[in-house]
């Protein structure tokens, strides 16, 4: 079963993302974190197939989370989807520059979101096969 971590400081938004993923056809093991620091600690301890990360969070923002994950040797290629209200070109460019795999803005289209998730989970399968 694929393991997904949702990182967002808003519990209601984490719940929306969880509900969409739980109603998707592929069974997933879903975990949640409400801030970047706890997310980084969690990622150090577990292997994930996908991280879904907001940008604006207290203590450690999503850009810092992505940067830290990309620095690690044990799972530097885990797909990371930035799912955020930040829609300015500078944020989108920064996300790509630090290694985010994808970038969607809130509010988001559910079909586009699930397409991105499917694509990123397929990338995980390909990396594990090689």
N, C-alpha and C. Protein backbone atom coordinates (compact mmCIF):
# COMPACT_ATOMS: atom_id res chain seq x y z
N UNK A 1 0.85 -1.18 0.00
CA UNK A 1 0.00 0.00 0.00
C UNK A 1 0.90 1.24 0.00
N UNK A 2 0.56 2.20 -0.84
CA UNK A 2 1.32 3.44 -0.93
C UNK A 2 1.10 4.30 0.31
N UNK A 3 2.18 4.97 0.73
CA UNK A 3 2.14 5.82 1.92
C UNK A 3 2.22 7.29 1.49
N UNK A 4 1.24 8.10 1.93
CA UNK A 4 1.16 9.52 1.57
C UNK A 4 1.14 10.34 2.85
N UNK A 5 1.89 11.45 2.83
CA UNK A 5 1.89 12.38 3.96
C UNK A 5 1.33 13.73 3.50
N UNK A 6 0.27 14.19 4.16
CA UNK A 6 -0.34 15.49 3.90
C UNK A 6 0.20 16.46 4.94
N UNK A 7 0.79 17.56 4.48
CA UNK A 7 1.40 18.53 5.39
C UNK A 7 0.71 19.88 5.18
N UNK A 8 -0.11 20.28 6.15
CA UNK A 8 -0.85 21.54 6.05
C UNK A 8 -1.27 21.93 7.46
N UNK A 9 -1.19 23.22 7.78
CA UNK A 9 -1.53 23.66 9.12
C UNK A 9 -3.04 23.77 9.35
N UNK A 10 -3.84 23.65 8.32
CA UNK A 10 -5.29 23.75 8.46
C UNK A 10 -5.91 22.35 8.47
N UNK A 11 -6.46 21.98 9.63
CA UNK A 11 -7.04 20.65 9.78
C UNK A 11 -8.17 20.40 8.79
N UNK A 12 -9.00 21.41 8.54
CA UNK A 12 -10.12 21.21 7.61
C UNK A 12 -9.60 20.91 6.20
N UNK A 13 -8.51 21.55 5.79
CA UNK A 13 -7.98 21.29 4.46
C UNK A 13 -7.35 19.90 4.39
N UNK A 14 -6.62 19.52 5.44
CA UNK A 14 -6.07 18.16 5.47
C UNK A 14 -7.20 17.14 5.35
N UNK A 15 -8.32 17.42 6.00
CA UNK A 15 -9.48 16.53 5.93
C UNK A 15 -10.05 16.42 4.53
N UNK A 16 -10.12 17.54 3.83
CA UNK A 16 -10.62 17.53 2.45
C UNK A 16 -9.72 16.66 1.57
N UNK A 17 -8.41 16.88 1.68
CA UNK A 17 -7.47 16.11 0.87
C UNK A 17 -7.55 14.62 1.23
N UNK A 18 -7.63 14.34 2.51
CA UNK A 18 -7.75 12.94 2.96
C UNK A 18 -9.01 12.30 2.38
N UNK A 19 -10.15 13.00 2.46
CA UNK A 19 -11.40 12.45 1.93
C UNK A 19 -11.30 12.14 0.44
N UNK A 20 -10.71 13.05 -0.32
CA UNK A 20 -10.55 12.81 -1.76
C UNK A 20 -9.69 11.58 -1.99
N UNK A 21 -8.58 11.48 -1.28
CA UNK A 21 -7.68 10.34 -1.47
C UNK A 21 -8.30 9.03 -1.00
N UNK A 22 -9.06 9.08 0.09
CA UNK A 22 -9.68 7.85 0.59
C UNK A 22 -10.79 7.34 -0.33
N UNK A 23 -11.40 8.24 -1.10
CA UNK A 23 -12.45 7.83 -2.04
C UNK A 23 -11.92 7.51 -3.43
N UNK A 24 -10.63 7.61 -3.60
CA UNK A 24 -9.98 7.29 -4.87
C UNK A 24 -9.92 5.78 -5.01
N UNK A 25 -9.73 5.30 -6.21
CA UNK A 25 -9.76 3.86 -6.47
C UNK A 25 -8.58 3.10 -5.87
N UNK A 26 -7.43 3.76 -5.72
CA UNK A 26 -6.25 3.07 -5.20
C UNK A 26 -6.18 3.22 -3.68
N UNK A 27 -6.06 2.10 -2.95
CA UNK A 27 -5.95 2.23 -1.49
C UNK A 27 -4.61 2.85 -1.09
N UNK A 28 -4.68 3.79 -0.16
CA UNK A 28 -3.48 4.50 0.30
C UNK A 28 -3.45 4.51 1.82
N UNK A 29 -2.25 4.50 2.37
CA UNK A 29 -2.06 4.72 3.80
C UNK A 29 -1.74 6.20 3.93
N UNK A 30 -2.62 6.96 4.59
CA UNK A 30 -2.50 8.41 4.64
C UNK A 30 -2.18 8.87 6.06
N UNK A 31 -1.16 9.71 6.16
CA UNK A 31 -0.81 10.34 7.43
C UNK A 31 -0.87 11.85 7.26
N UNK A 32 -0.97 12.56 8.37
CA UNK A 32 -1.07 14.02 8.33
C UNK A 32 -0.11 14.64 9.33
N UNK A 33 0.41 15.80 8.97
CA UNK A 33 1.18 16.64 9.89
C UNK A 33 0.71 18.08 9.72
N UNK A 34 0.70 18.82 10.83
CA UNK A 34 0.19 20.19 10.78
C UNK A 34 1.27 21.25 10.70
N UNK A 35 2.54 20.83 10.73
CA UNK A 35 3.61 21.82 10.57
C UNK A 35 4.84 21.17 9.95
N UNK A 36 5.71 22.02 9.42
CA UNK A 36 6.88 21.54 8.71
C UNK A 36 7.88 20.80 9.57
N UNK A 37 8.06 21.24 10.80
CA UNK A 37 9.04 20.58 11.68
C UNK A 37 8.64 19.14 11.95
N UNK A 38 7.38 18.93 12.33
CA UNK A 38 6.92 17.56 12.59
C UNK A 38 6.95 16.73 11.31
N UNK A 39 6.66 17.35 10.18
CA UNK A 39 6.71 16.63 8.90
C UNK A 39 8.13 16.15 8.60
N UNK A 40 9.10 17.01 8.80
CA UNK A 40 10.50 16.64 8.54
C UNK A 40 10.91 15.49 9.45
N UNK A 41 10.55 15.55 10.71
CA UNK A 41 10.86 14.46 11.65
C UNK A 41 10.21 13.17 11.18
N UNK A 42 8.97 13.26 10.74
CA UNK A 42 8.23 12.09 10.26
C UNK A 42 8.89 11.50 9.03
N UNK A 43 9.30 12.35 8.09
CA UNK A 43 9.93 11.86 6.86
C UNK A 43 11.29 11.22 7.15
N UNK A 44 11.97 11.69 8.20
CA UNK A 44 13.24 11.07 8.59
C UNK A 44 13.04 9.64 9.07
N UNK A 45 11.86 9.34 9.64
CA UNK A 45 11.60 8.04 10.26
C UNK A 45 10.89 7.04 9.35
N UNK A 46 10.24 7.52 8.29
CA UNK A 46 9.43 6.64 7.45
C UNK A 46 9.69 6.92 5.97
N UNK A 47 9.45 5.90 5.17
CA UNK A 47 9.50 6.07 3.71
C UNK A 47 8.10 6.41 3.22
N UNK A 48 8.00 7.43 2.41
CA UNK A 48 6.74 7.82 1.81
C UNK A 48 6.83 7.70 0.30
N UNK A 49 5.68 7.48 -0.32
CA UNK A 49 5.60 7.43 -1.76
C UNK A 49 5.19 8.78 -2.35
N UNK A 50 4.65 9.66 -1.50
CA UNK A 50 4.23 10.99 -1.94
C UNK A 50 4.06 11.91 -0.74
N UNK A 51 4.55 13.14 -0.89
CA UNK A 51 4.30 14.19 0.10
C UNK A 51 3.44 15.25 -0.57
N UNK A 52 2.40 15.70 0.13
CA UNK A 52 1.54 16.78 -0.34
C UNK A 52 1.71 17.91 0.67
N UNK A 53 2.26 19.03 0.24
CA UNK A 53 2.74 20.04 1.18
C UNK A 53 2.25 21.45 0.84
N UNK A 54 1.70 22.12 1.86
CA UNK A 54 1.35 23.53 1.76
C UNK A 54 2.63 24.35 1.88
N UNK A 55 2.57 25.63 1.55
CA UNK A 55 3.74 26.50 1.72
C UNK A 55 3.66 27.27 3.02
N UNK A 56 2.59 28.00 3.25
CA UNK A 56 2.51 28.86 4.43
C UNK A 56 2.08 28.05 5.65
N UNK A 57 3.07 27.82 6.53
CA UNK A 57 2.83 27.11 7.78
C UNK A 57 3.71 27.74 8.85
N UNK A 58 3.29 27.64 10.10
CA UNK A 58 4.13 28.18 11.17
C UNK A 58 5.36 27.31 11.39
N UNK A 59 6.37 27.89 11.96
CA UNK A 59 7.60 27.22 12.38
C UNK A 59 8.54 26.85 11.22
N UNK A 60 8.04 26.16 10.21
CA UNK A 60 8.85 25.81 9.03
C UNK A 60 7.91 25.76 7.84
N UNK A 61 8.18 26.58 6.83
CA UNK A 61 7.27 26.61 5.69
C UNK A 61 7.54 25.46 4.73
N UNK A 62 6.67 25.33 3.74
CA UNK A 62 6.77 24.23 2.79
C UNK A 62 8.03 24.25 1.95
N UNK A 63 8.53 25.45 1.64
CA UNK A 63 9.78 25.53 0.89
C UNK A 63 10.92 24.90 1.69
N UNK A 64 10.96 25.17 2.98
CA UNK A 64 12.00 24.59 3.83
C UNK A 64 11.85 23.07 3.93
N UNK A 65 10.60 22.60 3.99
CA UNK A 65 10.36 21.16 4.05
C UNK A 65 10.92 20.50 2.80
N UNK A 66 10.58 21.03 1.62
CA UNK A 66 11.06 20.45 0.37
C UNK A 66 12.58 20.47 0.32
N UNK A 67 13.18 21.59 0.69
CA UNK A 67 14.65 21.69 0.68
C UNK A 67 15.29 20.65 1.57
N UNK A 68 14.76 20.46 2.77
CA UNK A 68 15.33 19.47 3.70
C UNK A 68 15.20 18.06 3.16
N UNK A 69 14.03 17.73 2.63
CA UNK A 69 13.81 16.38 2.10
C UNK A 69 14.76 16.12 0.93
N UNK A 70 14.97 17.09 0.07
CA UNK A 70 15.84 16.91 -1.09
C UNK A 70 17.31 16.76 -0.70
N UNK A 71 17.70 17.25 0.48
CA UNK A 71 19.08 17.12 0.95
C UNK A 71 19.41 15.71 1.43
N UNK A 72 18.42 14.91 1.79
CA UNK A 72 18.67 13.62 2.40
C UNK A 72 19.02 12.56 1.38
N UNK A 73 19.88 11.66 1.80
CA UNK A 73 20.33 10.58 0.91
C UNK A 73 19.34 9.43 0.83
N UNK A 74 18.57 9.16 1.89
CA UNK A 74 17.79 7.92 1.91
C UNK A 74 16.55 7.96 1.04
N UNK A 75 15.95 9.09 0.77
CA UNK A 75 14.79 9.14 -0.12
C UNK A 75 14.69 10.51 -0.77
N UNK A 76 15.73 10.93 -1.50
CA UNK A 76 15.73 12.28 -2.06
C UNK A 76 14.79 12.45 -3.25
N UNK A 77 14.29 11.36 -3.79
CA UNK A 77 13.47 11.44 -4.99
C UNK A 77 11.98 11.26 -4.74
N UNK A 78 11.56 11.24 -3.47
CA UNK A 78 10.13 11.12 -3.18
C UNK A 78 9.40 12.28 -3.86
N UNK A 79 8.33 11.98 -4.60
CA UNK A 79 7.58 13.06 -5.23
C UNK A 79 6.94 13.98 -4.18
N UNK A 80 6.99 15.28 -4.46
CA UNK A 80 6.40 16.27 -3.56
C UNK A 80 5.49 17.18 -4.37
N UNK A 81 4.21 17.17 -4.00
CA UNK A 81 3.23 18.04 -4.63
C UNK A 81 2.98 19.23 -3.71
N UNK A 82 3.31 20.43 -4.19
CA UNK A 82 2.99 21.65 -3.45
C UNK A 82 1.52 21.95 -3.73
N UNK A 83 0.72 22.02 -2.69
CA UNK A 83 -0.72 22.31 -2.81
C UNK A 83 -0.99 23.51 -1.92
N UNK A 84 -1.10 24.68 -2.52
CA UNK A 84 -1.02 25.92 -1.77
C UNK A 84 -1.87 27.03 -2.37
N UNK A 85 -2.16 28.03 -1.58
CA UNK A 85 -2.88 29.21 -2.06
C UNK A 85 -1.94 30.19 -2.76
N UNK A 86 -0.63 29.97 -2.63
CA UNK A 86 0.36 30.86 -3.24
C UNK A 86 0.38 30.64 -4.75
N UNK A 87 -0.15 31.59 -5.49
CA UNK A 87 -0.24 31.42 -6.94
C UNK A 87 0.64 32.38 -7.73
N UNK A 88 1.49 33.12 -7.04
CA UNK A 88 2.36 34.07 -7.73
C UNK A 88 3.49 33.33 -8.46
N UNK A 89 3.92 33.86 -9.61
CA UNK A 89 4.96 33.19 -10.40
C UNK A 89 6.26 32.94 -9.63
N UNK A 90 6.61 33.84 -8.71
CA UNK A 90 7.85 33.66 -7.95
C UNK A 90 7.77 32.41 -7.06
N UNK A 91 6.63 32.17 -6.43
CA UNK A 91 6.47 30.98 -5.58
C UNK A 91 6.50 29.71 -6.42
N UNK A 92 5.83 29.74 -7.56
CA UNK A 92 5.81 28.58 -8.45
C UNK A 92 7.23 28.26 -8.93
N UNK A 93 7.96 29.29 -9.33
CA UNK A 93 9.35 29.10 -9.79
C UNK A 93 10.23 28.60 -8.65
N UNK A 94 10.05 29.14 -7.46
CA UNK A 94 10.86 28.70 -6.32
C UNK A 94 10.58 27.24 -6.00
N UNK A 95 9.31 26.84 -6.05
CA UNK A 95 8.97 25.44 -5.79
C UNK A 95 9.69 24.50 -6.75
N UNK A 96 9.67 24.86 -8.03
CA UNK A 96 10.36 24.03 -9.03
C UNK A 96 11.87 24.03 -8.79
N UNK A 97 12.42 25.20 -8.46
CA UNK A 97 13.87 25.31 -8.28
C UNK A 97 14.39 24.48 -7.11
N UNK A 98 13.61 24.34 -6.06
CA UNK A 98 14.08 23.57 -4.90
C UNK A 98 13.73 22.09 -4.98
N UNK A 99 12.98 21.71 -6.01
CA UNK A 99 12.75 20.28 -6.22
C UNK A 99 11.34 19.77 -6.03
N UNK A 100 10.34 20.65 -5.95
CA UNK A 100 8.97 20.16 -5.90
C UNK A 100 8.66 19.48 -7.24
N UNK A 101 7.97 18.36 -7.18
CA UNK A 101 7.65 17.61 -8.38
C UNK A 101 6.47 18.24 -9.12
N UNK A 102 5.54 18.80 -8.37
CA UNK A 102 4.36 19.43 -8.95
C UNK A 102 3.88 20.57 -8.09
N UNK A 103 2.98 21.39 -8.65
CA UNK A 103 2.51 22.58 -7.95
C UNK A 103 1.07 22.84 -8.38
N UNK A 104 0.15 22.78 -7.43
CA UNK A 104 -1.26 23.10 -7.67
C UNK A 104 -1.69 24.16 -6.67
N UNK A 105 -2.60 25.03 -7.11
CA UNK A 105 -3.06 26.10 -6.22
C UNK A 105 -4.46 25.81 -5.68
N UNK A 106 -4.69 26.31 -4.47
CA UNK A 106 -6.00 26.22 -3.82
C UNK A 106 -6.83 27.42 -4.27
N UNK A 107 -8.10 27.29 -4.47
CA UNK A 107 -8.82 26.01 -4.52
C UNK A 107 -8.39 25.23 -5.75
N UNK A 108 -8.44 23.91 -5.65
CA UNK A 108 -7.93 23.09 -6.73
C UNK A 108 -9.04 22.26 -7.35
N UNK A 109 -8.79 21.82 -8.56
CA UNK A 109 -9.69 20.96 -9.29
C UNK A 109 -9.39 19.52 -8.87
N UNK A 110 -10.40 18.80 -8.42
CA UNK A 110 -10.20 17.45 -7.91
C UNK A 110 -9.62 16.51 -8.97
N UNK A 111 -10.08 16.63 -10.20
CA UNK A 111 -9.58 15.76 -11.28
C UNK A 111 -8.10 16.04 -11.53
N UNK A 112 -7.72 17.32 -11.60
CA UNK A 112 -6.30 17.67 -11.80
C UNK A 112 -5.46 17.17 -10.63
N UNK A 113 -5.98 17.31 -9.42
CA UNK A 113 -5.28 16.84 -8.23
C UNK A 113 -5.02 15.34 -8.31
N UNK A 114 -6.07 14.56 -8.61
CA UNK A 114 -5.91 13.11 -8.68
C UNK A 114 -5.02 12.69 -9.84
N UNK A 115 -5.06 13.42 -10.94
CA UNK A 115 -4.14 13.13 -12.05
C UNK A 115 -2.69 13.33 -11.60
N UNK A 116 -2.43 14.43 -10.87
CA UNK A 116 -1.08 14.70 -10.37
C UNK A 116 -0.64 13.61 -9.40
N UNK A 117 -1.53 13.21 -8.50
CA UNK A 117 -1.22 12.15 -7.53
C UNK A 117 -0.90 10.85 -8.27
N UNK A 118 -1.72 10.49 -9.23
CA UNK A 118 -1.51 9.25 -10.00
C UNK A 118 -0.16 9.28 -10.70
N UNK A 119 0.14 10.39 -11.36
CA UNK A 119 1.41 10.52 -12.07
C UNK A 119 2.60 10.39 -11.12
N UNK A 120 2.52 11.04 -9.97
CA UNK A 120 3.63 11.00 -9.01
C UNK A 120 3.79 9.62 -8.39
N UNK A 121 2.69 8.94 -8.12
CA UNK A 121 2.80 7.59 -7.57
C UNK A 121 3.37 6.62 -8.62
N UNK A 122 3.08 6.85 -9.89
CA UNK A 122 3.69 6.04 -10.96
C UNK A 122 5.19 6.28 -11.02
N UNK A 123 5.62 7.52 -10.78
CA UNK A 123 7.05 7.82 -10.75
C UNK A 123 7.72 7.04 -9.63
N UNK A 124 7.05 6.93 -8.49
CA UNK A 124 7.59 6.17 -7.36
C UNK A 124 7.76 4.71 -7.77
N UNK A 125 6.76 4.15 -8.46
CA UNK A 125 6.85 2.76 -8.92
C UNK A 125 8.04 2.56 -9.85
N UNK A 126 8.23 3.49 -10.78
CA UNK A 126 9.33 3.39 -11.73
C UNK A 126 10.68 3.48 -11.03
N UNK A 127 10.80 4.35 -10.03
CA UNK A 127 12.06 4.49 -9.30
C UNK A 127 12.36 3.22 -8.50
N UNK A 128 11.32 2.61 -7.93
CA UNK A 128 11.54 1.41 -7.13
C UNK A 128 11.89 0.23 -8.02
N UNK A 129 11.40 0.22 -9.26
CA UNK A 129 11.68 -0.87 -10.20
C UNK A 129 13.10 -0.82 -10.74
N UNK A 130 13.70 0.41 -10.76
CA UNK A 130 15.04 0.51 -11.33
C UNK A 130 16.14 0.32 -10.33
